[in-house]
Amino acid sequence: MSARELTHSTPIPALSTLEVLWQPDASAAVFTRSPEGELSAGHLHVGMPSVADLAQHGHAVAARRLSVGDLVRLAESPPAGVALGGTAQAMFAIVKLAQGAVTEGLVHPQLEYDQRRWFAFWAATLDDTVETALAQIAAALPSVCVEAWDGDRDAVVHDLYPYLVDHIARARLRAAGVRLTNPSRRTRSTIELFLDGLTAPAAELPDNNGYSALERKLTKWVDDGLTQLNPAPWKLAFHLDEREGDGLALEVWLQASDDATLSLPATLLWGEGGDEVFAFMRSSDPRKAVIRGLADVEPLLAEGGIVFAEHEPAEVLLDPDAVRFFLRDAMPRLDELAVPV
């Protein structure tokens, strides 16, 4: 049979569609729909076996129950042999929107109290672009998506989106090996416990009496920051970090010139979305601050053989001679230049 005859005489089989419903218990119900309308989850191998109550069918149907992380992975790699149904397209569009928002730095840290427990979250920063996109997705939701939400389309997207933002931000930090505190310290202050929680697998925090006060300060800081971005410039700073088995490393950091407590490692600049992390804190240019700052101190550091990479300077390991030079000779002169260590 020729290709032309095959095209005209052999019907193309219809594909089953993948359907995804976000649920009020912060999970997703996933199943397939055959061309004849039969619902099944038999050949899906994601999440856990479950059931989904669909009012239009009048009974529960077999499904798979997915966590937020499972949903992100499913959106990134849908199963072969099925098409995306309208519900899956909508849910995956929210995943894509959340991924882009995290890349652009549209997140902020948040402390939340619920049922006698404290949680550290990466909260979503909703700008006009995100709000518009969420409204468009909500308007396009198939009716089955909102059955469990009393028909409230906005409730579906505005419930799922924050979960996605927190998971994606947390997962990216962990994948990059980012630590927001010094892991060698045995005791943890309230702020260190909170910062550790932002990169932990789960958001729940250990018991501590200082979270209430920190939450008030954090809320004010975020509200003030979202209202008006501070134009204060970044300035060069250095951190000495003890590495197990490798001695000391000298790290390039940036410190806000108006707030000595606000500092970030330059390594964030060279990663995906790094500029947006700094841009959330201050409107000034962090890359220019690194380049200019290092240019001013490079001759001094070179006297002790301390040289950073020309592109994407981040850190150097110091041998014993370089450590002695830095502590004895470089630090006093850096202090004179107002470069904090």
C-alpha atoms as a PDB file:
ATOM      1  CA  MET A   1       0.000   0.000   0.000  1.00  0.00           C
ATOM      2  CA  SER A   2       1.369   3.398  -0.962  1.00  0.00           C
ATOM      3  CA  ALA A   3       1.788   6.265   1.465  1.00  0.00           C
ATOM      4  CA  ARG A   4      -1.042   8.101  -0.322  1.00  0.00           C
ATOM      5  CA  GLU A   5      -3.365   5.089  -0.031  1.00  0.00           C
ATOM      6  CA  LEU A   6      -2.415   4.671   3.625  1.00  0.00           C
ATOM      7  CA  THR A   7      -3.185   8.321   4.323  1.00  0.00           C
ATOM      8  CA  HIS A   8      -6.639   8.163   2.795  1.00  0.00           C
ATOM      9  CA  SER A   9      -7.736   4.677   3.858  1.00  0.00           C
ATOM     10  CA  THR A  10      -6.350   4.304   7.394  1.00  0.00           C
ATOM     11  CA  PRO A  11      -7.953   6.510  10.055  1.00  0.00           C
ATOM     12  CA  ILE A  12      -5.592   8.018  12.584  1.00  0.00           C
ATOM     13  CA  PRO A  13      -6.487   6.603  16.004  1.00  0.00           C
ATOM     14  CA  ALA A  14      -7.760   9.168  18.494  1.00  0.00           C
ATOM     15  CA  LEU A  15      -5.604   9.689  21.529  1.00  0.00           C
ATOM     16  CA  SER A  16      -6.703   9.587  25.124  1.00  0.00           C
ATOM     17  CA  THR A  17      -6.261  12.912  26.899  1.00  0.00           C
ATOM     18  CA  LEU A  18      -4.493  13.633  30.154  1.00  0.00           C
ATOM     19  CA  GLU A  19      -6.660  15.484  32.676  1.00  0.00           C
ATOM     20  CA  VAL A  20      -5.391  17.263  35.807  1.00  0.00           C
ATOM     21  CA  LEU A  21      -7.621  18.697  38.558  1.00  0.00           C
ATOM     22  CA  TRP A  22      -6.204  20.812  41.396  1.00  0.00           C
ATOM     23  CA  GLN A  23      -7.854  19.926  44.709  1.00  0.00           C
ATOM     24  CA  PRO A  24      -8.522  21.953  47.907  1.00  0.00           C
ATOM     25  CA  ASP A  25      -6.237  19.611  49.890  1.00  0.00           C
ATOM     26  CA  ALA A  26      -3.183  20.921  47.973  1.00  0.00           C
ATOM     27  CA  SER A  27      -2.918  17.913  45.695  1.00  0.00           C
ATOM     28  CA  ALA A  28      -3.744  17.206  42.064  1.00  0.00           C
ATOM     29  CA  ALA A  29      -5.980  14.404  40.775  1.00  0.00           C
ATOM     30  CA  VAL A  30      -4.732  13.013  37.460  1.00  0.00           C
ATOM     31  CA  PHE A  31      -6.405  10.562  35.092  1.00  0.00           C
ATOM     32  CA  THR A  32      -6.924   9.946  31.372  1.00  0.00           C
ATOM     33  CA  ARG A  33     -10.036  10.307  29.275  1.00  0.00           C
ATOM     34  CA  SER A  34     -10.539   7.970  26.311  1.00  0.00           C
ATOM     35  CA  PRO A  35     -12.135   9.184  23.060  1.00  0.00           C
ATOM     36  CA  GLU A  36     -15.301   7.399  24.233  1.00  0.00           C
ATOM     37  CA  GLY A  37     -15.290   9.340  27.499  1.00  0.00           C
ATOM     38  CA  GLU A  38     -14.025   6.527  29.737  1.00  0.00           C
ATOM     39  CA  LEU A  39     -11.949   7.787  32.676  1.00  0.00           C
ATOM     40  CA  SER A  40      -9.030   5.751  33.949  1.00  0.00           C
ATOM     41  CA  ALA A  41      -5.673   5.954  35.714  1.00  0.00           C
ATOM     42  CA  GLY A  42      -4.563   2.400  35.043  1.00  0.00           C
ATOM     43  CA  HIS A  43      -1.513   3.138  32.907  1.00  0.00           C
ATOM     44  CA  LEU A  44      -0.341   6.272  34.735  1.00  0.00           C
ATOM     45  CA  HIS A  45       2.721   5.782  36.920  1.00  0.00           C
ATOM     46  CA  VAL A  46       2.934   9.073  38.783  1.00  0.00           C
ATOM     47  CA  GLY A  47       1.886   9.950  42.300  1.00  0.00           C
ATOM     48  CA  MET A  48      -0.248   7.617  44.426  1.00  0.00           C
ATOM     49  CA  PRO A  49      -3.457   5.685  43.636  1.00  0.00           C
ATOM     50  CA  SER A  50      -6.524   7.732  44.530  1.00  0.00           C
ATOM     51  CA  VAL A  51     -10.049   8.609  43.449  1.00  0.00           C
ATOM     52  CA  ALA A  52     -11.568  11.811  42.100  1.00  0.00           C
ATOM     53  CA  ASP A  53     -15.174  12.820  42.756  1.00  0.00           C
ATOM     54  CA  LEU A  54     -16.651  14.233  39.566  1.00  0.00           C
ATOM     55  CA  ALA A  55     -20.156  15.601  39.966  1.00  0.00           C
ATOM     56  CA  GLN A  56     -20.909  15.382  36.256  1.00  0.00           C
ATOM     57  CA  HIS A  57     -20.277  11.615  36.371  1.00  0.00           C
ATOM     58  CA  GLY A  58     -22.132  11.052  39.620  1.00  0.00           C
ATOM     59  CA  HIS A  59     -19.456   8.774  41.055  1.00  0.00           C
ATOM     60  CA  ALA A  60     -15.803   8.594  41.999  1.00  0.00           C
ATOM     61  CA  VAL A  61     -13.311   7.644  39.303  1.00  0.00           C
ATOM     62  CA  ALA A  62      -9.881   6.055  39.578  1.00  0.00           C
ATOM     63  CA  ALA A  63      -7.113   8.645  39.552  1.00  0.00           C
ATOM     64  CA  ARG A  64      -3.584   9.324  40.731  1.00  0.00           C
ATOM     65  CA  ARG A  65      -2.877  11.782  43.553  1.00  0.00           C
ATOM     66  CA  LEU A  66       0.060  14.124  42.910  1.00  0.00           C
ATOM     67  CA  SER A  67       1.957  16.424  45.244  1.00  0.00           C
ATOM     68  CA  VAL A  68       3.038  19.878  44.074  1.00  0.00           C
ATOM     69  CA  GLY A  69       6.472  18.520  43.187  1.00  0.00           C
ATOM     70  CA  ASP A  70       4.902  15.643  41.241  1.00  0.00           C
ATOM     71  CA  LEU A  71       2.778  18.137  39.317  1.00  0.00           C
ATOM     72  CA  VAL A  72       5.829  20.218  38.350  1.00  0.00           C
ATOM     73  CA  ARG A  73       7.653  17.110  37.135  1.00  0.00           C
ATOM     74  CA  LEU A  74       4.582  15.949  35.193  1.00  0.00           C
ATOM     75  CA  ALA A  75       4.310  19.338  33.477  1.00  0.00           C
ATOM     76  CA  GLU A  76       7.981  19.145  32.504  1.00  0.00           C
ATOM     77  CA  SER A  77       7.672  15.578  31.194  1.00  0.00           C
ATOM     78  CA  PRO A  78       4.089  14.476  30.354  1.00  0.00           C
ATOM     79  CA  PRO A  79       3.527  10.763  29.688  1.00  0.00           C
ATOM     80  CA  ALA A  80       3.909   9.567  26.117  1.00  0.00           C
ATOM     81  CA  GLY A  81       0.946   8.358  24.129  1.00  0.00           C
ATOM     82  CA  VAL A  82      -1.627  10.815  25.462  1.00  0.00           C
ATOM     83  CA  ALA A  83      -2.656  14.316  24.439  1.00  0.00           C
ATOM     84  CA  LEU A  84      -3.067  17.139  26.919  1.00  0.00           C
ATOM     85  CA  GLY A  85      -6.686  17.755  27.815  1.00  0.00           C
ATOM     86  CA  GLY A  86      -8.015  21.200  28.594  1.00  0.00           C
ATOM     87  CA  THR A  87      -7.537  20.731  32.334  1.00  0.00           C
ATOM     88  CA  ALA A  88      -3.913  19.631  31.932  1.00  0.00           C
ATOM     89  CA  GLN A  89      -3.161  22.536  29.597  1.00  0.00           C
ATOM     90  CA  ALA A  90      -4.504  24.985  32.177  1.00  0.00           C
ATOM     91  CA  MET A  91      -2.600  23.473  35.123  1.00  0.00           C
ATOM     92  CA  PHE A  92       0.634  23.248  33.136  1.00  0.00           C
ATOM     93  CA  ALA A  93       0.229  26.882  32.082  1.00  0.00           C
ATOM     94  CA  ILE A  94       0.191  27.846  35.768  1.00  0.00           C
ATOM     95  CA  VAL A  95       3.338  25.755  36.326  1.00  0.00           C
ATOM     96  CA  LYS A  96       5.082  27.545  33.465  1.00  0.00           C
ATOM     97  CA  LEU A  97       3.999  30.934  34.790  1.00  0.00           C
ATOM     98  CA  ALA A  98       5.360  30.096  38.262  1.00  0.00           C
ATOM     99  CA  GLN A  99       8.671  28.898  36.811  1.00  0.00           C
ATOM    100  CA  GLY A 100       9.087  32.147  34.901  1.00  0.00           C
ATOM    101  CA  ALA A 101       8.175  34.231  37.932  1.00  0.00           C
ATOM    102  CA  VAL A 102      10.792  32.519  40.100  1.00  0.00           C
ATOM    103  CA  THR A 103      13.390  33.048  37.377  1.00  0.00           C
ATOM    104  CA  GLU A 104      12.493  36.742  37.319  1.00  0.00           C
ATOM    105  CA  GLY A 105      12.762  37.006  41.110  1.00  0.00           C
ATOM    106  CA  LEU A 106       9.049  37.593  41.714  1.00  0.00           C
ATOM    107  CA  VAL A 107       9.196  35.948  45.132  1.00  0.00           C
ATOM    108  CA  HIS A 108       9.744  37.134  48.690  1.00  0.00           C
ATOM    109  CA  PRO A 109      10.339  35.352  52.019  1.00  0.00           C
ATOM    110  CA  GLN A 110       7.393  34.910  54.334  1.00  0.00           C
ATOM    111  CA  LEU A 111       6.735  33.535  57.816  1.00  0.00           C
ATOM    112  CA  GLU A 112       3.326  32.008  58.413  1.00  0.00           C
ATOM    113  CA  TYR A 113       1.642  30.617  61.522  1.00  0.00           C
ATOM    114  CA  ASP A 114      -0.939  27.859  61.239  1.00  0.00           C
ATOM    115  CA  GLN A 115      -2.291  25.406  63.815  1.00  0.00           C
ATOM    116  CA  ARG A 116       0.448  26.052  66.391  1.00  0.00           C
ATOM    117  CA  ARG A 117       3.230  25.646  63.841  1.00  0.00           C
ATOM    118  CA  TRP A 118       5.424  28.124  61.979  1.00  0.00           C
ATOM    119  CA  PHE A 119       6.358  27.806  58.317  1.00  0.00           C
ATOM    120  CA  ALA A 120       8.979  29.486  56.107  1.00  0.00           C
ATOM    121  CA  PHE A 121       7.689  30.123  52.582  1.00  0.00           C
ATOM    122  CA  TRP A 122       8.783  31.744  49.382  1.00  0.00           C
ATOM    123  CA  ALA A 123       5.683  33.827  48.726  1.00  0.00           C
ATOM    124  CA  ALA A 124       4.623  34.950  45.270  1.00  0.00           C
ATOM    125  CA  THR A 125       5.075  38.594  44.327  1.00  0.00           C
ATOM    126  CA  LEU A 126       2.099  39.404  42.111  1.00  0.00           C
ATOM    127  CA  ASP A 127       2.826  42.106  39.563  1.00  0.00           C
ATOM    128  CA  ASP A 128       0.436  43.231  36.813  1.00  0.00           C
ATOM    129  CA  THR A 129       1.811  40.704  34.309  1.00  0.00           C
ATOM    130  CA  VAL A 130       1.307  37.743  36.623  1.00  0.00           C
ATOM    131  CA  GLU A 131      -2.149  38.929  37.699  1.00  0.00           C
ATOM    132  CA  THR A 132      -3.224  39.270  34.074  1.00  0.00           C
ATOM    133  CA  ALA A 133      -1.887  35.826  33.148  1.00  0.00           C
ATOM    134  CA  LEU A 134      -3.626  34.180  36.115  1.00  0.00           C
ATOM    135  CA  ALA A 135      -6.901  35.892  35.213  1.00  0.00           C
ATOM    136  CA  GLN A 136      -6.650  34.647  31.629  1.00  0.00           C
ATOM    137  CA  ILE A 137      -5.959  31.077  32.758  1.00  0.00           C
ATOM    138  CA  ALA A 138      -8.847  31.239  35.241  1.00  0.00           C
ATOM    139  CA  ALA A 139     -11.229  32.411  32.530  1.00  0.00           C
ATOM    140  CA  ALA A 140     -10.189  29.502  30.296  1.00  0.00           C
ATOM    141  CA  LEU A 141     -10.564  26.762  32.921  1.00  0.00           C
ATOM    142  CA  PRO A 142     -12.875  23.901  31.888  1.00  0.00           C
ATOM    143  CA  SER A 143     -15.886  23.701  34.177  1.00  0.00           C
ATOM    144  CA  VAL A 144     -14.731  20.388  35.679  1.00  0.00           C
ATOM    145  CA  CYS A 145     -11.734  22.224  37.192  1.00  0.00           C
ATOM    146  CA  VAL A 146     -13.933  24.279  39.482  1.00  0.00           C
ATOM    147  CA  GLU A 147     -16.398  21.649  40.705  1.00  0.00           C
ATOM    148  CA  ALA A 148     -14.443  21.169  43.937  1.00  0.00           C
ATOM    149  CA  TRP A 149     -14.121  24.942  44.355  1.00  0.00           C
ATOM    150  CA  ASP A 150     -17.817  25.896  44.316  1.00  0.00           C
ATOM    151  CA  GLY A 151     -17.396  27.221  40.793  1.00  0.00           C
ATOM    152  CA  ASP A 152     -14.799  29.842  41.815  1.00  0.00           C
ATOM    153  CA  ARG A 153     -12.277  29.966  38.963  1.00  0.00           C
ATOM    154  CA  ASP A 154     -10.030  32.537  40.600  1.00  0.00           C
ATOM    155  CA  ALA A 155      -9.814  30.425  43.756  1.00  0.00           C
ATOM    156  CA  VAL A 156      -8.304  27.525  41.785  1.00  0.00           C
ATOM    157  CA  VAL A 157      -5.457  29.456  40.193  1.00  0.00           C
ATOM    158  CA  HIS A 158      -4.726  31.630  43.221  1.00  0.00           C
ATOM    159  CA  ASP A 159      -4.528  28.559  45.455  1.00  0.00           C
ATOM    160  CA  LEU A 160      -2.215  26.543  43.164  1.00  0.00           C
ATOM    161  CA  TYR A 161       0.116  29.361  42.120  1.00  0.00           C
ATOM    162  CA  PRO A 162       1.658  30.094  45.578  1.00  0.00           C
ATOM    163  CA  TYR A 163       2.316  26.391  46.190  1.00  0.00           C
ATOM    164  CA  LEU A 164       4.144  26.175  42.872  1.00  0.00           C
ATOM    165  CA  VAL A 165       6.231  29.297  43.487  1.00  0.00           C
ATOM    166  CA  ASP A 166       7.386  28.070  46.892  1.00  0.00           C
ATOM    167  CA  HIS A 167       8.226  24.576  45.626  1.00  0.00           C
ATOM    168  CA  ILE A 168      10.108  25.801  42.560  1.00  0.00           C
ATOM    169  CA  ALA A 169      12.112  28.435  44.456  1.00  0.00           C
ATOM    170  CA  ARG A 170      12.980  25.975  47.225  1.00  0.00           C
ATOM    171  CA  ALA A 171      13.923  23.208  44.773  1.00  0.00           C
ATOM    172  CA  ARG A 172      16.157  25.476  42.702  1.00  0.00           C
ATOM    173  CA  LEU A 173      18.046  26.690  45.767  1.00  0.00           C
ATOM    174  CA  ARG A 174      18.605  23.129  46.941  1.00  0.00           C
ATOM    175  CA  ALA A 175      19.657  21.940  43.490  1.00  0.00           C
ATOM    176  CA  ALA A 176      22.215  24.756  43.331  1.00  0.00           C
ATOM    177  CA  GLY A 177      23.540  23.884  46.788  1.00  0.00           C
ATOM    178  CA  VAL A 178      22.660  27.328  48.124  1.00  0.00           C
ATOM    179  CA  ARG A 179      22.841  27.734  51.897  1.00  0.00           C
ATOM    180  CA  LEU A 180      21.603  30.968  53.432  1.00  0.00           C
ATOM    181  CA  THR A 181      23.386  30.359  56.746  1.00  0.00           C
ATOM    182  CA  ASN A 182      26.700  28.911  57.865  1.00  0.00           C
ATOM    183  CA  PRO A 183      26.130  25.126  58.183  1.00  0.00           C
ATOM    184  CA  SER A 184      29.025  24.702  60.612  1.00  0.00           C
ATOM    185  CA  ARG A 185      27.295  26.653  63.380  1.00  0.00           C
ATOM    186  CA  ARG A 186      25.709  24.370  65.957  1.00  0.00           C
ATOM    187  CA  THR A 187      23.321  26.909  67.475  1.00  0.00           C
ATOM    188  CA  ARG A 188      20.766  28.717  65.391  1.00  0.00           C
ATOM    189  CA  SER A 189      19.177  32.112  66.010  1.00  0.00           C
ATOM    190  CA  THR A 190      15.567  32.758  65.025  1.00  0.00           C
ATOM    191  CA  ILE A 191      16.567  34.363  61.737  1.00  0.00           C
ATOM    192  CA  GLU A 192      18.949  31.493  60.955  1.00  0.00           C
ATOM    193  CA  LEU A 193      16.224  28.923  61.591  1.00  0.00           C
ATOM    194  CA  PHE A 194      13.968  30.871  59.255  1.00  0.00           C
ATOM    195  CA  LEU A 195      16.636  31.119  56.534  1.00  0.00           C
ATOM    196  CA  ASP A 196      17.405  27.401  56.854  1.00  0.00           C
ATOM    197  CA  GLY A 197      13.693  26.751  56.397  1.00  0.00           C
ATOM    198  CA  LEU A 198      13.685  28.562  53.057  1.00  0.00           C
ATOM    199  CA  THR A 199      16.034  25.963  51.572  1.00  0.00           C
ATOM    200  CA  ALA A 200      14.749  22.924  53.487  1.00  0.00           C
ATOM    201  CA  PRO A 201      12.707  20.200  51.755  1.00  0.00           C
ATOM    202  CA  ALA A 202       9.666  21.116  53.874  1.00  0.00           C
ATOM    203  CA  ALA A 203       8.458  24.499  55.088  1.00  0.00           C
ATOM    204  CA  GLU A 204       7.723  23.622  58.736  1.00  0.00           C
ATOM    205  CA  LEU A 205      10.127  25.221  61.225  1.00  0.00           C
ATOM    206  CA  PRO A 206      11.478  23.888  64.529  1.00  0.00           C
ATOM    207  CA  ASP A 207      10.115  25.394  67.735  1.00  0.00           C
ATOM    208  CA  ASN A 208      11.413  28.838  68.640  1.00  0.00           C
ATOM    209  CA  ASN A 209       9.951  31.707  70.656  1.00  0.00           C
ATOM    210  CA  GLY A 210      11.191  34.455  68.339  1.00  0.00           C
ATOM    211  CA  TYR A 211       9.091  33.848  65.220  1.00  0.00           C
ATOM    212  CA  SER A 212       6.281  36.261  66.128  1.00  0.00           C
ATOM    213  CA  ALA A 213       8.644  39.231  66.434  1.00  0.00           C
ATOM    214  CA  LEU A 214      10.499  38.219  63.283  1.00  0.00           C
ATOM    215  CA  GLU A 215       7.220  37.882  61.361  1.00  0.00           C
ATOM    216  CA  ARG A 216       6.259  41.470  62.229  1.00  0.00           C
ATOM    217  CA  LYS A 217       9.640  42.803  61.104  1.00  0.00           C
ATOM    218  CA  LEU A 218       9.612  40.686  57.948  1.00  0.00           C
ATOM    219  CA  THR A 219       6.108  41.795  56.986  1.00  0.00           C
ATOM    220  CA  LYS A 220       7.048  45.449  57.385  1.00  0.00           C
ATOM    221  CA  TRP A 221      10.262  44.929  55.414  1.00  0.00           C
ATOM    222  CA  VAL A 222       8.416  43.225  52.541  1.00  0.00           C
ATOM    223  CA  ASP A 223       5.590  45.780  52.518  1.00  0.00           C
ATOM    224  CA  ASP A 224       8.046  48.680  52.495  1.00  0.00           C
ATOM    225  CA  GLY A 225      10.116  47.038  49.792  1.00  0.00           C
ATOM    226  CA  LEU A 226       7.135  46.383  47.531  1.00  0.00           C
ATOM    227  CA  THR A 227       5.913  49.940  47.981  1.00  0.00           C
ATOM    228  CA  GLN A 228       9.132  51.684  47.025  1.00  0.00           C
ATOM    229  CA  LEU A 229      12.380  50.102  45.835  1.00  0.00           C
ATOM    230  CA  ASN A 230      15.449  51.458  47.619  1.00  0.00           C
ATOM    231  CA  PRO A 231      17.995  53.077  45.244  1.00  0.00           C
ATOM    232  CA  ALA A 232      20.937  52.661  47.658  1.00  0.00           C
ATOM    233  CA  PRO A 233      23.951  51.170  45.829  1.00  0.00           C
ATOM    234  CA  TRP A 234      25.577  47.820  46.474  1.00  0.00           C
ATOM    235  CA  LYS A 235      29.199  47.731  47.585  1.00  0.00           C
ATOM    236  CA  LEU A 236      31.872  45.047  47.521  1.00  0.00           C
ATOM    237  CA  ALA A 237      32.316  42.828  50.579  1.00  0.00           C
ATOM    238  CA  PHE A 238      34.247  39.653  51.355  1.00  0.00           C
ATOM    239  CA  HIS A 239      33.415  36.589  53.399  1.00  0.00           C
ATOM    240  CA  LEU A 240      35.939  34.121  54.798  1.00  0.00           C
ATOM    241  CA  ASP A 241      34.423  30.658  54.813  1.00  0.00           C
ATOM    242  CA  GLU A 242      36.001  27.590  56.378  1.00  0.00           C
ATOM    243  CA  ARG A 243      35.790  24.588  54.041  1.00  0.00           C
ATOM    244  CA  GLU A 244      36.116  21.124  55.421  1.00  0.00           C
ATOM    245  CA  GLY A 245      39.368  19.656  54.114  1.00  0.00           C
ATOM    246  CA  ASP A 246      40.134  22.700  51.952  1.00  0.00           C
ATOM    247  CA  GLY A 247      41.034  25.366  54.489  1.00  0.00           C
ATOM    248  CA  LEU A 248      39.670  28.873  53.979  1.00  0.00           C
ATOM    249  CA  ALA A 249      37.870  30.295  50.963  1.00  0.00           C
ATOM    250  CA  LEU A 250      37.572  34.005  50.241  1.00  0.00           C
ATOM    251  CA  GLU A 251      34.121  34.735  48.812  1.00  0.00           C
ATOM    252  CA  VAL A 252      32.947  37.817  46.932  1.00  0.00           C
ATOM    253  CA  TRP A 253      29.748  39.259  48.394  1.00  0.00           C
ATOM    254  CA  LEU A 254      27.741  42.416  47.933  1.00  0.00           C
ATOM    255  CA  GLN A 255      26.427  44.492  50.816  1.00  0.00           C
ATOM    256  CA  ALA A 256      23.756  47.166  50.695  1.00  0.00           C
ATOM    257  CA  SER A 257      25.472  50.467  51.403  1.00  0.00           C
ATOM    258  CA  ASP A 258      22.596  51.594  53.625  1.00  0.00           C
ATOM    259  CA  ASP A 259      22.142  48.344  55.566  1.00  0.00           C
ATOM    260  CA  ALA A 260      25.104  46.291  56.801  1.00  0.00           C
ATOM    261  CA  THR A 261      22.780  43.384  57.625  1.00  0.00           C
ATOM    262  CA  LEU A 262      21.735  42.975  53.977  1.00  0.00           C
ATOM    263  CA  SER A 263      24.367  41.078  52.027  1.00  0.00           C
ATOM    264  CA  LEU A 264      24.259  38.458  49.276  1.00  0.00           C
ATOM    265  CA  PRO A 265      26.940  36.246  47.682  1.00  0.00           C
ATOM    266  CA  ALA A 266      28.089  37.216  44.200  1.00  0.00           C
ATOM    267  CA  THR A 267      27.538  33.613  43.114  1.00  0.00           C
ATOM    268  CA  LEU A 268      23.833  34.464  42.888  1.00  0.00           C
ATOM    269  CA  LEU A 269      24.632  36.935  40.119  1.00  0.00           C
ATOM    270  CA  TRP A 270      26.050  34.261  37.862  1.00  0.00           C
ATOM    271  CA  GLY A 271      23.161  31.841  38.187  1.00  0.00           C
ATOM    272  CA  GLU A 272      19.843  31.859  36.329  1.00  0.00           C
ATOM    273  CA  GLY A 273      17.727  34.781  37.460  1.00  0.00           C
ATOM    274  CA  GLY A 274      20.493  36.102  39.723  1.00  0.00           C
ATOM    275  CA  ASP A 275      20.067  39.732  38.735  1.00  0.00           C
ATOM    276  CA  GLU A 276      16.415  39.577  39.751  1.00  0.00           C
ATOM    277  CA  VAL A 277      17.353  38.438  43.278  1.00  0.00           C
ATOM    278  CA  PHE A 278      19.380  41.612  43.784  1.00  0.00           C
ATOM    279  CA  ALA A 279      16.838  43.752  41.936  1.00  0.00           C
ATOM    280  CA  PHE A 280      14.170  42.744  44.436  1.00  0.00           C
ATOM    281  CA  MET A 281      16.294  44.270  47.220  1.00  0.00           C
ATOM    282  CA  ARG A 282      17.713  47.404  45.583  1.00  0.00           C
ATOM    283  CA  SER A 283      17.335  49.199  42.241  1.00  0.00           C
ATOM    284  CA  SER A 284      21.092  49.743  41.764  1.00  0.00           C
ATOM    285  CA  ASP A 285      23.337  47.621  39.513  1.00  0.00           C
ATOM    286  CA  PRO A 286      25.025  44.731  41.417  1.00  0.00           C
ATOM    287  CA  ARG A 287      27.234  43.623  38.520  1.00  0.00           C
ATOM    288  CA  LYS A 288      28.741  47.063  38.177  1.00  0.00           C
ATOM    289  CA  ALA A 289      29.380  47.087  41.933  1.00  0.00           C
ATOM    290  CA  VAL A 290      31.335  43.814  41.705  1.00  0.00           C
ATOM    291  CA  ILE A 291      33.412  44.948  38.719  1.00  0.00           C
ATOM    292  CA  ARG A 292      34.262  48.351  40.140  1.00  0.00           C
ATOM    293  CA  GLY A 293      34.841  47.063  43.647  1.00  0.00           C
ATOM    294  CA  LEU A 294      37.229  44.313  42.596  1.00  0.00           C
ATOM    295  CA  ALA A 295      39.102  46.683  40.277  1.00  0.00           C
ATOM    296  CA  ASP A 296      39.837  48.877  43.290  1.00  0.00           C
ATOM    297  CA  VAL A 297      41.223  46.082  45.479  1.00  0.00           C
ATOM    298  CA  GLU A 298      42.777  43.707  42.931  1.00  0.00           C
ATOM    299  CA  PRO A 299      46.283  45.271  43.196  1.00  0.00           C
ATOM    300  CA  LEU A 300      46.165  44.865  46.966  1.00  0.00           C
ATOM    301  CA  LEU A 301      45.036  41.231  46.818  1.00  0.00           C
ATOM    302  CA  ALA A 302      47.541  40.418  44.069  1.00  0.00           C
ATOM    303  CA  GLU A 303      50.377  41.236  46.475  1.00  0.00           C
ATOM    304  CA  GLY A 304      49.429  38.061  48.330  1.00  0.00           C
ATOM    305  CA  GLY A 305      48.748  35.997  45.208  1.00  0.00           C
ATOM    306  CA  ILE A 306      44.969  36.245  45.612  1.00  0.00           C
ATOM    307  CA  VAL A 307      43.370  36.460  42.181  1.00  0.00           C
ATOM    308  CA  PHE A 308      39.698  35.971  41.296  1.00  0.00           C
ATOM    309  CA  ALA A 309      38.393  34.631  37.986  1.00  0.00           C
ATOM    310  CA  GLU A 310      38.154  37.313  35.317  1.00  0.00           C
ATOM    311  CA  HIS A 311      34.648  36.203  34.359  1.00  0.00           C
ATOM    312  CA  GLU A 312      32.048  35.584  37.048  1.00  0.00           C
ATOM    313  CA  PRO A 313      34.331  36.140  40.063  1.00  0.00           C
ATOM    314  CA  ALA A 314      32.960  34.314  43.081  1.00  0.00           C
ATOM    315  CA  GLU A 315      35.594  32.794  45.365  1.00  0.00           C
ATOM    316  CA  VAL A 316      39.177  31.574  45.696  1.00  0.00           C
ATOM    317  CA  LEU A 317      40.689  28.992  48.017  1.00  0.00           C
ATOM    318  CA  LEU A 318      43.514  30.408  50.125  1.00  0.00           C
ATOM    319  CA  ASP A 319      46.696  28.486  50.855  1.00  0.00           C
ATOM    320  CA  PRO A 320      48.340  29.050  54.271  1.00  0.00           C
ATOM    321  CA  ASP A 321      50.559  31.850  52.964  1.00  0.00           C
ATOM    322  CA  ALA A 322      47.591  33.638  51.415  1.00  0.00           C
ATOM    323  CA  VAL A 323      45.620  33.264  54.652  1.00  0.00           C
ATOM    324  CA  ARG A 324      48.424  34.879  56.641  1.00  0.00           C
ATOM    325  CA  PHE A 325      48.733  37.695  54.113  1.00  0.00           C
ATOM    326  CA  PHE A 326      45.006  38.349  54.051  1.00  0.00           C
ATOM    327  CA  LEU A 327      44.570  38.406  57.834  1.00  0.00           C
ATOM    328  CA  ARG A 328      47.756  40.332  58.603  1.00  0.00           C
ATOM    329  CA  ASP A 329      48.136  42.727  55.679  1.00  0.00           C
ATOM    330  CA  ALA A 330      45.013  42.862  53.525  1.00  0.00           C
ATOM    331  CA  MET A 331      42.246  43.155  56.113  1.00  0.00           C
ATOM    332  CA  PRO A 332      43.491  46.394  57.725  1.00  0.00           C
ATOM    333  CA  ARG A 333      43.876  48.014  54.314  1.00  0.00           C
ATOM    334  CA  LEU A 334      40.473  46.772  53.163  1.00  0.00           C
ATOM    335  CA  ASP A 335      39.029  48.340  56.297  1.00  0.00           C
ATOM    336  CA  GLU A 336      40.628  51.638  55.298  1.00  0.00           C
ATOM    337  CA  LEU A 337      38.942  51.293  51.892  1.00  0.00           C
ATOM    338  CA  ALA A 338      35.566  50.635  53.612  1.00  0.00           C
ATOM    339  CA  VAL A 339      35.385  47.110  52.209  1.00  0.00           C
ATOM    340  CA  PRO A 340      33.804  44.922  54.901  1.00  0.00           C
ATOM    341  CA  VAL A 341      35.049  41.410  55.620  1.00  0.00           C
END
